[in-house]
Amino acid sequence: KASPLDVLQDALFTSLNSARRTTERTDNLWELHQNCMLSPTEREILRFMSNGYSMPQIAVQLERNIKTIRAHKFNVMSKLGVSSDAGLLDAADILLYLRAGDATALQHRV
């Protein structure tokens, strides 16, 4: 017969495992939602920003007016729910990290 401590440990382990799986599913849904929300141009601008490009440099690279680039940046910030450049770069890092993790996972499956 299992001791009360063993029963408690098993219950705690089961509960924590369930919470972890729920969190992973939520994170995956969040990533999918964010990637679907951003237009290809917005994702491209986010990539340039995460690589250290300034707004004028991005405008030159994409052959667009600086005001257009700023409008896209504002839209990205609104969609991701951030209010600063630091928050935007953090969100970009998370999205790029998750995407890189997906690529690694796909490589391991093959």
PDB file of N, CA and C in Angstrom:
ATOM      1  N   LYS A   1       0.843  -1.188   0.000  1.00  0.00           N
ATOM      2  CA  LYS A   1       0.000   0.000   0.000  1.00  0.00           C
ATOM      3  C   LYS A   1       0.884   1.245   0.000  1.00  0.00           C
ATOM      4  N   ALA A   2       0.498   2.248  -0.811  1.00  0.00           N
ATOM      5  CA  ALA A   2       1.272   3.480  -0.917  1.00  0.00           C
ATOM      6  C   ALA A   2       1.053   4.355   0.306  1.00  0.00           C
ATOM      7  N   SER A   3       2.126   5.007   0.723  1.00  0.00           N
ATOM      8  CA  SER A   3       2.017   5.912   1.863  1.00  0.00           C
ATOM      9  C   SER A   3       1.305   7.193   1.422  1.00  0.00           C
ATOM     10  N   PRO A   4       0.757   7.933   2.380  1.00  0.00           N
ATOM     11  CA  PRO A   4       0.093   9.196   2.033  1.00  0.00           C
ATOM     12  C   PRO A   4       1.033  10.165   1.295  1.00  0.00           C
ATOM     13  N   LEU A   5       2.315  10.135   1.657  1.00  0.00           N
ATOM     14  CA  LEU A   5       3.276  11.008   0.989  1.00  0.00           C
ATOM     15  C   LEU A   5       3.436  10.611  -0.479  1.00  0.00           C
ATOM     16  N   ASP A   6       3.494   9.300  -0.758  1.00  0.00           N
ATOM     17  CA  ASP A   6       3.597   8.823  -2.140  1.00  0.00           C
ATOM     18  C   ASP A   6       2.369   9.226  -2.953  1.00  0.00           C
ATOM     19  N   VAL A   7       1.201   9.086  -2.346  1.00  0.00           N
ATOM     20  CA  VAL A   7      -0.043   9.459  -3.028  1.00  0.00           C
ATOM     21  C   VAL A   7      -0.035  10.953  -3.346  1.00  0.00           C
ATOM     22  N   LEU A   8       0.404  11.753  -2.385  1.00  0.00           N
ATOM     23  CA  LEU A   8       0.467  13.203  -2.575  1.00  0.00           C
ATOM     24  C   LEU A   8       1.466  13.564  -3.679  1.00  0.00           C
ATOM     25  N   GLN A   9       2.633  12.909  -3.668  1.00  0.00           N
ATOM     26  CA  GLN A   9       3.635  13.175  -4.696  1.00  0.00           C
ATOM     27  C   GLN A   9       3.112  12.808  -6.083  1.00  0.00           C
ATOM     28  N   ASP A  10       2.443  11.675  -6.192  1.00  0.00           N
ATOM     29  CA  ASP A  10       1.875  11.264  -7.478  1.00  0.00           C
ATOM     30  C   ASP A  10       0.825  12.258  -7.964  1.00  0.00           C
ATOM     31  N   ALA A  11      -0.031  12.696  -7.053  1.00  0.00           N
ATOM     32  CA  ALA A  11      -1.077  13.652  -7.419  1.00  0.00           C
ATOM     33  C   ALA A  11      -0.462  14.979  -7.862  1.00  0.00           C
ATOM     34  N   LEU A  12       0.565  15.415  -7.149  1.00  0.00           N
ATOM     35  CA  LEU A  12       1.239  16.664  -7.491  1.00  0.00           C
ATOM     36  C   LEU A  12       1.926  16.546  -8.856  1.00  0.00           C
ATOM     37  N   PHE A  13       2.605  15.437  -9.097  1.00  0.00           N
ATOM     38  CA  PHE A  13       3.269  15.205 -10.379  1.00  0.00           C
ATOM     39  C   PHE A  13       2.255  15.216 -11.520  1.00  0.00           C
ATOM     40  N   THR A  14       1.144  14.539 -11.346  1.00  0.00           N
ATOM     41  CA  THR A  14       0.096  14.484 -12.368  1.00  0.00           C
ATOM     42  C   THR A  14      -0.457  15.878 -12.647  1.00  0.00           C
ATOM     43  N   SER A  15      -0.690  16.626 -11.588  1.00  0.00           N
ATOM     44  CA  SER A  15      -1.232  17.977 -11.734  1.00  0.00           C
ATOM     45  C   SER A  15      -0.248  18.897 -12.461  1.00  0.00           C
ATOM     46  N   LEU A  16       1.017  18.841 -12.083  1.00  0.00           N
ATOM     47  CA  LEU A  16       2.026  19.685 -12.725  1.00  0.00           C
ATOM     48  C   LEU A  16       2.212  19.308 -14.190  1.00  0.00           C
ATOM     49  N   ASN A  17       2.181  18.027 -14.488  1.00  0.00           N
ATOM     50  CA  ASN A  17       2.302  17.572 -15.875  1.00  0.00           C
ATOM     51  C   ASN A  17       1.143  18.091 -16.719  1.00  0.00           C
ATOM     52  N   SER A  18      -0.046  18.035 -16.164  1.00  0.00           N
ATOM     53  CA  SER A  18      -1.229  18.517 -16.867  1.00  0.00           C
ATOM     54  C   SER A  18      -1.127  20.024 -17.122  1.00  0.00           C
ATOM     55  N   ALA A  19      -0.668  20.761 -16.118  1.00  0.00           N
ATOM     56  CA  ALA A  19      -0.516  22.214 -16.259  1.00  0.00           C
ATOM     57  C   ALA A  19       0.525  22.540 -17.324  1.00  0.00           C
ATOM     58  N   ARG A  20       1.613  21.780 -17.378  1.00  0.00           N
ATOM     59  CA  ARG A  20       2.661  22.014 -18.371  1.00  0.00           C
ATOM     60  C   ARG A  20       2.123  21.795 -19.779  1.00  0.00           C
ATOM     61  N   ARG A  21       1.362  20.717 -19.972  1.00  0.00           N
ATOM     62  CA  ARG A  21       0.800  20.443 -21.300  1.00  0.00           C
ATOM     63  C   ARG A  21      -0.174  21.541 -21.713  1.00  0.00           C
ATOM     64  N   THR A  22      -0.973  22.010 -20.771  1.00  0.00           N
ATOM     65  CA  THR A  22      -1.919  23.093 -21.061  1.00  0.00           C
ATOM     66  C   THR A  22      -1.164  24.357 -21.458  1.00  0.00           C
ATOM     67  N   THR A  23      -0.091  24.673 -20.737  1.00  0.00           N
ATOM     68  CA  THR A  23       0.714  25.853 -21.047  1.00  0.00           C
ATOM     69  C   THR A  23       1.337  25.734 -22.428  1.00  0.00           C
ATOM     70  N   GLU A  24       1.867  24.559 -22.767  1.00  0.00           N
ATOM     71  CA  GLU A  24       2.466  24.360 -24.089  1.00  0.00           C
ATOM     72  C   GLU A  24       1.432  24.555 -25.193  1.00  0.00           C
ATOM     73  N   ARG A  25       0.230  24.020 -24.995  1.00  0.00           N
ATOM     74  CA  ARG A  25      -0.822  24.184 -26.006  1.00  0.00           C
ATOM     75  C   ARG A  25      -1.193  25.652 -26.150  1.00  0.00           C
ATOM     76  N   THR A  26      -1.303  26.345 -25.032  1.00  0.00           N
ATOM     77  CA  THR A  26      -1.642  27.764 -25.052  1.00  0.00           C
ATOM     78  C   THR A  26      -0.553  28.559 -25.760  1.00  0.00           C
ATOM     79  N   ASP A  27       0.717  28.261 -25.455  1.00  0.00           N
ATOM     80  CA  ASP A  27       1.826  28.955 -26.111  1.00  0.00           C
ATOM     81  C   ASP A  27       1.796  28.723 -27.613  1.00  0.00           C
ATOM     82  N   ASN A  28       1.548  27.493 -28.038  1.00  0.00           N
ATOM     83  CA  ASN A  28       1.500  27.188 -29.467  1.00  0.00           C
ATOM     84  C   ASN A  28       0.351  27.921 -30.148  1.00  0.00           C
ATOM     85  N   LEU A  29      -0.795  27.984 -29.488  1.00  0.00           N
ATOM     86  CA  LEU A  29      -1.930  28.709 -30.057  1.00  0.00           C
ATOM     87  C   LEU A  29      -1.630  30.195 -30.149  1.00  0.00           C
ATOM     88  N   TRP A  30      -0.964  30.736 -29.115  1.00  0.00           N
ATOM     89  CA  TRP A  30      -0.615  32.150 -29.119  1.00  0.00           C
ATOM     90  C   TRP A  30       0.307  32.448 -30.294  1.00  0.00           C
ATOM     91  N   GLU A  31       1.339  31.608 -30.483  1.00  0.00           N
ATOM     92  CA  GLU A  31       2.280  31.821 -31.586  1.00  0.00           C
ATOM     93  C   GLU A  31       1.560  31.763 -32.928  1.00  0.00           C
ATOM     94  N   LEU A  32       0.723  30.774 -33.103  1.00  0.00           N
ATOM     95  CA  LEU A  32      -0.020  30.637 -34.355  1.00  0.00           C
ATOM     96  C   LEU A  32      -0.888  31.870 -34.591  1.00  0.00           C
ATOM     97  N   HIS A  33      -1.565  32.321 -33.547  1.00  0.00           N
ATOM     98  CA  HIS A  33      -2.434  33.490 -33.645  1.00  0.00           C
ATOM     99  C   HIS A  33      -1.628  34.733 -34.026  1.00  0.00           C
ATOM    100  N   GLN A  34      -0.482  34.940 -33.366  1.00  0.00           N
ATOM    101  CA  GLN A  34       0.329  36.124 -33.651  1.00  0.00           C
ATOM    102  C   GLN A  34       0.874  36.083 -35.071  1.00  0.00           C
ATOM    103  N   ASN A  35       1.338  34.924 -35.503  1.00  0.00           N
ATOM    104  CA  ASN A  35       1.886  34.823 -36.856  1.00  0.00           C
ATOM    105  C   ASN A  35       0.812  35.032 -37.907  1.00  0.00           C
ATOM    106  N   CYS A  36      -0.398  34.594 -37.639  1.00  0.00           N
ATOM    107  CA  CYS A  36      -1.488  34.791 -38.595  1.00  0.00           C
ATOM    108  C   CYS A  36      -1.926  36.249 -38.626  1.00  0.00           C
ATOM    109  N   MET A  37      -1.817  36.922 -37.491  1.00  0.00           N
ATOM    110  CA  MET A  37      -2.254  38.307 -37.400  1.00  0.00           C
ATOM    111  C   MET A  37      -1.346  39.257 -38.164  1.00  0.00           C
ATOM    112  N   LEU A  38      -0.055  38.965 -38.216  1.00  0.00           N
ATOM    113  CA  LEU A  38       0.888  39.875 -38.852  1.00  0.00           C
ATOM    114  C   LEU A  38       0.929  39.635 -40.357  1.00  0.00           C
ATOM    115  N   SER A  39       0.932  40.732 -41.093  1.00  0.00           N
ATOM    116  CA  SER A  39       1.055  40.619 -42.552  1.00  0.00           C
ATOM    117  C   SER A  39       2.498  40.240 -42.891  1.00  0.00           C
ATOM    118  N   PRO A  40       2.736  39.762 -44.106  1.00  0.00           N
ATOM    119  CA  PRO A  40       4.119  39.446 -44.500  1.00  0.00           C
ATOM    120  C   PRO A  40       5.054  40.652 -44.365  1.00  0.00           C
ATOM    121  N   THR A  41       4.572  41.839 -44.718  1.00  0.00           N
ATOM    122  CA  THR A  41       5.401  43.044 -44.597  1.00  0.00           C
ATOM    123  C   THR A  41       5.694  43.352 -43.136  1.00  0.00           C
ATOM    124  N   GLU A  42       4.697  43.196 -42.281  1.00  0.00           N
ATOM    125  CA  GLU A  42       4.908  43.444 -40.852  1.00  0.00           C
ATOM    126  C   GLU A  42       5.926  42.463 -40.279  1.00  0.00           C
ATOM    127  N   ARG A  43       5.842  41.199 -40.677  1.00  0.00           N
ATOM    128  CA  ARG A  43       6.819  40.206 -40.210  1.00  0.00           C
ATOM    129  C   ARG A  43       8.222  40.560 -40.709  1.00  0.00           C
ATOM    130  N   GLU A  44       8.304  41.038 -41.946  1.00  0.00           N
ATOM    131  CA  GLU A  44       9.603  41.410 -42.511  1.00  0.00           C
ATOM    132  C   GLU A  44      10.203  42.593 -41.755  1.00  0.00           C
ATOM    133  N   ILE A  45       9.394  43.585 -41.452  1.00  0.00           N
ATOM    134  CA  ILE A  45       9.867  44.744 -40.690  1.00  0.00           C
ATOM    135  C   ILE A  45      10.313  44.309 -39.302  1.00  0.00           C
ATOM    136  N   LEU A  46       9.564  43.422 -38.683  1.00  0.00           N
ATOM    137  CA  LEU A  46       9.928  42.902 -37.364  1.00  0.00           C
ATOM    138  C   LEU A  46      11.273  42.180 -37.427  1.00  0.00           C
ATOM    139  N   ARG A  47      11.489  41.413 -38.483  1.00  0.00           N
ATOM    140  CA  ARG A  47      12.773  40.713 -38.660  1.00  0.00           C
ATOM    141  C   ARG A  47      13.921  41.715 -38.818  1.00  0.00           C
ATOM    142  N   PHE A  48      13.709  42.747 -39.648  1.00  0.00           N
ATOM    143  CA  PHE A  48      14.745  43.764 -39.816  1.00  0.00           C
ATOM    144  C   PHE A  48      15.064  44.430 -38.479  1.00  0.00           C
ATOM    145  N   MET A  49      14.027  44.798 -37.737  1.00  0.00           N
ATOM    146  CA  MET A  49      14.242  45.451 -36.444  1.00  0.00           C
ATOM    147  C   MET A  49      15.024  44.553 -35.494  1.00  0.00           C
ATOM    148  N   SER A  50      14.683  43.268 -35.471  1.00  0.00           N
ATOM    149  CA  SER A  50      15.371  42.355 -34.555  1.00  0.00           C
ATOM    150  C   SER A  50      16.826  42.141 -34.970  1.00  0.00           C
ATOM    151  N   ASN A  51      17.145  42.457 -36.226  1.00  0.00           N
ATOM    152  CA  ASN A  51      18.532  42.381 -36.696  1.00  0.00           C
ATOM    153  C   ASN A  51      19.261  43.715 -36.576  1.00  0.00           C
ATOM    154  N   GLY A  52      18.639  44.687 -35.907  1.00  0.00           N
ATOM    155  CA  GLY A  52      19.313  45.941 -35.603  1.00  0.00           C
ATOM    156  C   GLY A  52      19.165  47.058 -36.618  1.00  0.00           C
ATOM    157  N   TYR A  53      18.306  46.876 -37.605  1.00  0.00           N
ATOM    158  CA  TYR A  53      18.106  47.929 -38.607  1.00  0.00           C
ATOM    159  C   TYR A  53      17.273  49.064 -38.008  1.00  0.00           C
ATOM    160  N   SER A  54      17.610  50.293 -38.400  1.00  0.00           N
ATOM    161  CA  SER A  54      16.816  51.458 -37.992  1.00  0.00           C
ATOM    162  C   SER A  54      15.643  51.611 -38.960  1.00  0.00           C
ATOM    163  N   MET A  55      14.693  52.458 -38.593  1.00  0.00           N
ATOM    164  CA  MET A  55      13.542  52.694 -39.472  1.00  0.00           C
ATOM    165  C   MET A  55      13.985  53.217 -40.850  1.00  0.00           C
ATOM    166  N   PRO A  56      14.904  54.216 -40.915  1.00  0.00           N
ATOM    167  CA  PRO A  56      15.352  54.672 -42.236  1.00  0.00           C
ATOM    168  C   PRO A  56      16.043  53.555 -43.045  1.00  0.00           C
ATOM    169  N   GLN A  57      16.822  52.713 -42.369  1.00  0.00           N
ATOM    170  CA  GLN A  57      17.488  51.610 -43.072  1.00  0.00           C
ATOM    171  C   GLN A  57      16.471  50.606 -43.619  1.00  0.00           C
ATOM    172  N   ILE A  58      15.443  50.339 -42.839  1.00  0.00           N
ATOM    173  CA  ILE A  58      14.393  49.415 -43.291  1.00  0.00           C
ATOM    174  C   ILE A  58      13.670  50.007 -44.497  1.00  0.00           C
ATOM    175  N   ALA A  59      13.392  51.308 -44.432  1.00  0.00           N
ATOM    176  CA  ALA A  59      12.717  51.978 -45.553  1.00  0.00           C
ATOM    177  C   ALA A  59      13.538  51.842 -46.834  1.00  0.00           C
ATOM    178  N   VAL A  60      14.850  51.997 -46.727  1.00  0.00           N
ATOM    179  CA  VAL A  60      15.720  51.854 -47.900  1.00  0.00           C
ATOM    180  C   VAL A  60      15.693  50.408 -48.398  1.00  0.00           C
ATOM    181  N   GLN A  61      15.814  49.455 -47.479  1.00  0.00           N
ATOM    182  CA  GLN A  61      15.839  48.039 -47.863  1.00  0.00           C
ATOM    183  C   GLN A  61      14.552  47.622 -48.578  1.00  0.00           C
ATOM    184  N   LEU A  62      13.420  48.110 -48.072  1.00  0.00           N
ATOM    185  CA  LEU A  62      12.124  47.718 -48.637  1.00  0.00           C
ATOM    186  C   LEU A  62      11.640  48.674 -49.724  1.00  0.00           C
ATOM    187  N   GLU A  63      12.436  49.716 -49.970  1.00  0.00           N
ATOM    188  CA  GLU A  63      12.084  50.724 -50.972  1.00  0.00           C
ATOM    189  C   GLU A  63      10.701  51.310 -50.710  1.00  0.00           C
ATOM    190  N   ARG A  64      10.502  51.716 -49.472  1.00  0.00           N
ATOM    191  CA  ARG A  64       9.241  52.320 -49.043  1.00  0.00           C
ATOM    192  C   ARG A  64       9.531  53.618 -48.312  1.00  0.00           C
ATOM    193  N   ASN A  65       8.516  54.437 -48.198  1.00  0.00           N
ATOM    194  CA  ASN A  65       8.607  55.688 -47.459  1.00  0.00           C
ATOM    195  C   ASN A  65       8.731  55.376 -45.970  1.00  0.00           C
ATOM    196  N   ILE A  66       9.517  56.187 -45.270  1.00  0.00           N
ATOM    197  CA  ILE A  66       9.711  56.000 -43.828  1.00  0.00           C
ATOM    198  C   ILE A  66       8.383  56.031 -43.077  1.00  0.00           C
ATOM    199  N   LYS A  67       7.448  56.862 -43.542  1.00  0.00           N
ATOM    200  CA  LYS A  67       6.141  56.941 -42.877  1.00  0.00           C
ATOM    201  C   LYS A  67       5.374  55.628 -43.014  1.00  0.00           C
ATOM    202  N   THR A  68       5.536  54.953 -44.127  1.00  0.00           N
ATOM    203  CA  THR A  68       4.888  53.653 -44.327  1.00  0.00           C
ATOM    204  C   THR A  68       5.473  52.629 -43.363  1.00  0.00           C
ATOM    205  N   ILE A  69       6.796  52.650 -43.207  1.00  0.00           N
ATOM    206  CA  ILE A  69       7.469  51.719 -42.295  1.00  0.00           C
ATOM    207  C   ILE A  69       7.014  51.983 -40.863  1.00  0.00           C
ATOM    208  N   ARG A  70       6.923  53.252 -40.490  1.00  0.00           N
ATOM    209  CA  ARG A  70       6.466  53.597 -39.133  1.00  0.00           C
ATOM    210  C   ARG A  70       5.022  53.142 -38.905  1.00  0.00           C
ATOM    211  N   ALA A  71       4.190  53.275 -39.926  1.00  0.00           N
ATOM    212  CA  ALA A  71       2.795  52.829 -39.802  1.00  0.00           C
ATOM    213  C   ALA A  71       2.737  51.318 -39.595  1.00  0.00           C
ATOM    214  N   HIS A  72       3.547  50.575 -40.350  1.00  0.00           N
ATOM    215  CA  HIS A  72       3.594  49.120 -40.170  1.00  0.00           C
ATOM    216  C   HIS A  72       4.093  48.766 -38.771  1.00  0.00           C
ATOM    217  N   LYS A  73       5.115  49.476 -38.314  1.00  0.00           N
ATOM    218  CA  LYS A  73       5.657  49.229 -36.972  1.00  0.00           C
ATOM    219  C   LYS A  73       4.574  49.471 -35.920  1.00  0.00           C
ATOM    220  N   PHE A  74       3.843  50.562 -36.057  1.00  0.00           N
ATOM    221  CA  PHE A  74       2.761  50.864 -35.120  1.00  0.00           C
ATOM    222  C   PHE A  74       1.718  49.744 -35.127  1.00  0.00           C
ATOM    223  N   ASN A  75       1.374  49.252 -36.323  1.00  0.00           N
ATOM    224  CA  ASN A  75       0.397  48.163 -36.427  1.00  0.00           C
ATOM    225  C   ASN A  75       0.895  46.895 -35.741  1.00  0.00           C
ATOM    226  N   VAL A  76       2.171  46.583 -35.928  1.00  0.00           N
ATOM    227  CA  VAL A  76       2.753  45.403 -35.278  1.00  0.00           C
ATOM    228  C   VAL A  76       2.681  45.559 -33.762  1.00  0.00           C
ATOM    229  N   MET A  77       3.054  46.732 -33.266  1.00  0.00           N
ATOM    230  CA  MET A  77       3.024  46.972 -31.821  1.00  0.00           C
ATOM    231  C   MET A  77       1.608  46.815 -31.283  1.00  0.00           C
ATOM    232  N   SER A  78       0.639  47.333 -32.004  1.00  0.00           N
ATOM    233  CA  SER A  78      -0.758  47.208 -31.577  1.00  0.00           C
ATOM    234  C   SER A  78      -1.200  45.755 -31.564  1.00  0.00           C
ATOM    235  N   LYS A  79      -0.869  45.026 -32.624  1.00  0.00           N
ATOM    236  CA  LYS A  79      -1.291  43.627 -32.723  1.00  0.00           C
ATOM    237  C   LYS A  79      -0.645  42.748 -31.656  1.00  0.00           C
ATOM    238  N   LEU A  80       0.613  43.062 -31.305  1.00  0.00           N
ATOM    239  CA  LEU A  80       1.315  42.255 -30.312  1.00  0.00           C
ATOM    240  C   LEU A  80       1.089  42.761 -28.893  1.00  0.00           C
ATOM    241  N   GLY A  81       0.405  43.883 -28.773  1.00  0.00           N
ATOM    242  CA  GLY A  81       0.083  44.401 -27.445  1.00  0.00           C
ATOM    243  C   GLY A  81       1.275  44.959 -26.693  1.00  0.00           C
ATOM    244  N   VAL A  82       2.215  45.561 -27.410  1.00  0.00           N
ATOM    245  CA  VAL A  82       3.377  46.170 -26.762  1.00  0.00           C
ATOM    246  C   VAL A  82       3.351  47.672 -27.006  1.00  0.00           C
ATOM    247  N   SER A  83       4.010  48.412 -26.111  1.00  0.00           N
ATOM    248  CA  SER A  83       3.954  49.865 -26.224  1.00  0.00           C
ATOM    249  C   SER A  83       5.333  50.510 -26.327  1.00  0.00           C
ATOM    250  N   SER A  84       6.372  49.693 -26.447  1.00  0.00           N
ATOM    251  CA  SER A  84       7.722  50.246 -26.553  1.00  0.00           C
ATOM    252  C   SER A  84       8.540  49.430 -27.548  1.00  0.00           C
ATOM    253  N   ASP A  85       9.644  50.032 -27.997  1.00  0.00           N
ATOM    254  CA  ASP A  85      10.540  49.300 -28.897  1.00  0.00           C
ATOM    255  C   ASP A  85      11.120  48.073 -28.195  1.00  0.00           C
ATOM    256  N   ALA A  86      11.429  48.218 -26.903  1.00  0.00           N
ATOM    257  CA  ALA A  86      11.975  47.079 -26.151  1.00  0.00           C
ATOM    258  C   ALA A  86      10.965  45.934 -26.110  1.00  0.00           C
ATOM    259  N   GLY A  87       9.699  46.260 -25.866  1.00  0.00           N
ATOM    260  CA  GLY A  87       8.657  45.234 -25.863  1.00  0.00           C
ATOM    261  C   GLY A  87       8.493  44.594 -27.223  1.00  0.00           C
ATOM    262  N   LEU A  88       8.624  45.404 -28.263  1.00  0.00           N
ATOM    263  CA  LEU A  88       8.509  44.886 -29.627  1.00  0.00           C
ATOM    264  C   LEU A  88       9.652  43.927 -29.938  1.00  0.00           C
ATOM    265  N   LEU A  89      10.865  44.293 -29.532  1.00  0.00           N
ATOM    266  CA  LEU A  89      12.018  43.422 -29.778  1.00  0.00           C
ATOM    267  C   LEU A  89      11.932  42.142 -28.954  1.00  0.00           C
ATOM    268  N   ASP A  90      11.413  42.241 -27.730  1.00  0.00           N
ATOM    269  CA  ASP A  90      11.198  41.029 -26.925  1.00  0.00           C
ATOM    270  C   ASP A  90      10.211  40.099 -27.623  1.00  0.00           C
ATOM    271  N   ALA A  91       9.125  40.664 -28.122  1.00  0.00           N
ATOM    272  CA  ALA A  91       8.122  39.858 -28.832  1.00  0.00           C
ATOM    273  C   ALA A  91       8.730  39.240 -30.087  1.00  0.00           C
ATOM    274  N   ALA A  92       9.557  40.002 -30.794  1.00  0.00           N
ATOM    275  CA  ALA A  92      10.215  39.478 -31.999  1.00  0.00           C
ATOM    276  C   ALA A  92      11.125  38.318 -31.641  1.00  0.00           C
ATOM    277  N   ASP A  93      11.884  38.470 -30.549  1.00  0.00           N
ATOM    278  CA  ASP A  93      12.771  37.385 -30.114  1.00  0.00           C
ATOM    279  C   ASP A  93      11.976  36.126 -29.800  1.00  0.00           C
ATOM    280  N   ILE A  94      10.846  36.288 -29.122  1.00  0.00           N
ATOM    281  CA  ILE A  94      10.011  35.135 -28.771  1.00  0.00           C
ATOM    282  C   ILE A  94       9.488  34.469 -30.030  1.00  0.00           C
ATOM    283  N   LEU A  95       8.958  35.258 -30.949  1.00  0.00           N
ATOM    284  CA  LEU A  95       8.410  34.685 -32.182  1.00  0.00           C
ATOM    285  C   LEU A  95       9.487  33.992 -33.009  1.00  0.00           C
ATOM    286  N   LEU A  96      10.660  34.622 -33.113  1.00  0.00           N
ATOM    287  CA  LEU A  96      11.743  34.018 -33.893  1.00  0.00           C
ATOM    288  C   LEU A  96      12.276  32.771 -33.204  1.00  0.00           C
ATOM    289  N   TYR A  97      12.353  32.801 -31.862  1.00  0.00           N
ATOM    290  CA  TYR A  97      12.814  31.628 -31.110  1.00  0.00           C
ATOM    291  C   TYR A  97      11.839  30.474 -31.285  1.00  0.00           C
ATOM    292  N   LEU A  98      10.556  30.760 -31.179  1.00  0.00           N
ATOM    293  CA  LEU A  98       9.555  29.707 -31.337  1.00  0.00           C
ATOM    294  C   LEU A  98       9.594  29.138 -32.745  1.00  0.00           C
ATOM    295  N   ARG A  99       9.752  29.992 -33.723  1.00  0.00           N
ATOM    296  CA  ARG A  99       9.811  29.525 -35.109  1.00  0.00           C
ATOM    297  C   ARG A  99      11.057  28.669 -35.323  1.00  0.00           C
ATOM    298  N   ALA A 100      12.204  29.077 -34.756  1.00  0.00           N
ATOM    299  CA  ALA A 100      13.435  28.284 -34.879  1.00  0.00           C
ATOM    300  C   ALA A 100      13.261  26.944 -34.180  1.00  0.00           C
ATOM    301  N   GLY A 101      12.576  26.935 -33.045  1.00  0.00           N
ATOM    302  CA  GLY A 101      12.305  25.683 -32.334  1.00  0.00           C
ATOM    303  C   GLY A 101      11.444  24.754 -33.155  1.00  0.00           C
ATOM    304  N   ASP A 102      10.476  25.312 -33.879  1.00  0.00           N
ATOM    305  CA  ASP A 102       9.630  24.492 -34.748  1.00  0.00           C
ATOM    306  C   ASP A 102      10.457  23.859 -35.850  1.00  0.00           C
ATOM    307  N   ALA A 103      11.406  24.614 -36.413  1.00  0.00           N
ATOM    308  CA  ALA A 103      12.254  24.077 -37.478  1.00  0.00           C
ATOM    309  C   ALA A 103      13.130  22.948 -36.944  1.00  0.00           C
ATOM    310  N   THR A 104      13.662  23.123 -35.735  1.00  0.00           N
ATOM    311  CA  THR A 104      14.480  22.080 -35.123  1.00  0.00           C
ATOM    312  C   THR A 104      13.647  20.840 -34.860  1.00  0.00           C
ATOM    313  N   ALA A 105      12.436  21.040 -34.364  1.00  0.00           N
ATOM    314  CA  ALA A 105      11.555  19.902 -34.090  1.00  0.00           C
ATOM    315  C   ALA A 105      11.230  19.155 -35.373  1.00  0.00           C
ATOM    316  N   LEU A 106      11.013  19.891 -36.463  1.00  0.00           N
ATOM    317  CA  LEU A 106      10.721  19.243 -37.739  1.00  0.00           C
ATOM    318  C   LEU A 106      11.916  18.442 -38.232  1.00  0.00           C
ATOM    319  N   GLN A 107      13.125  18.960 -38.024  1.00  0.00           N
ATOM    320  CA  GLN A 107      14.321  18.243 -38.451  1.00  0.00           C
ATOM    321  C   GLN A 107      14.460  16.930 -37.689  1.00  0.00           C
ATOM    322  N   HIS A 108      14.118  16.941 -36.398  1.00  0.00           N
ATOM    323  CA  HIS A 108      14.233  15.727 -35.589  1.00  0.00           C
ATOM    324  C   HIS A 108      13.192  14.693 -35.978  1.00  0.00           C
ATOM    325  N   ARG A 109      12.064  15.127 -36.511  1.00  0.00           N
ATOM    326  CA  ARG A 109      11.006  14.199 -36.902  1.00  0.00           C
ATOM    327  C   ARG A 109      11.340  13.469 -38.195  1.00  0.00           C
ATOM    328  N   VAL A 110      12.161  14.106 -39.034  1.00  0.00           N
ATOM    329  CA  VAL A 110      12.462  13.531 -40.354  1.00  0.00           C
ATOM    330  C   VAL A 110      13.474  12.421 -40.253  1.00  0.00           C
TER     331      VAL A 110
END
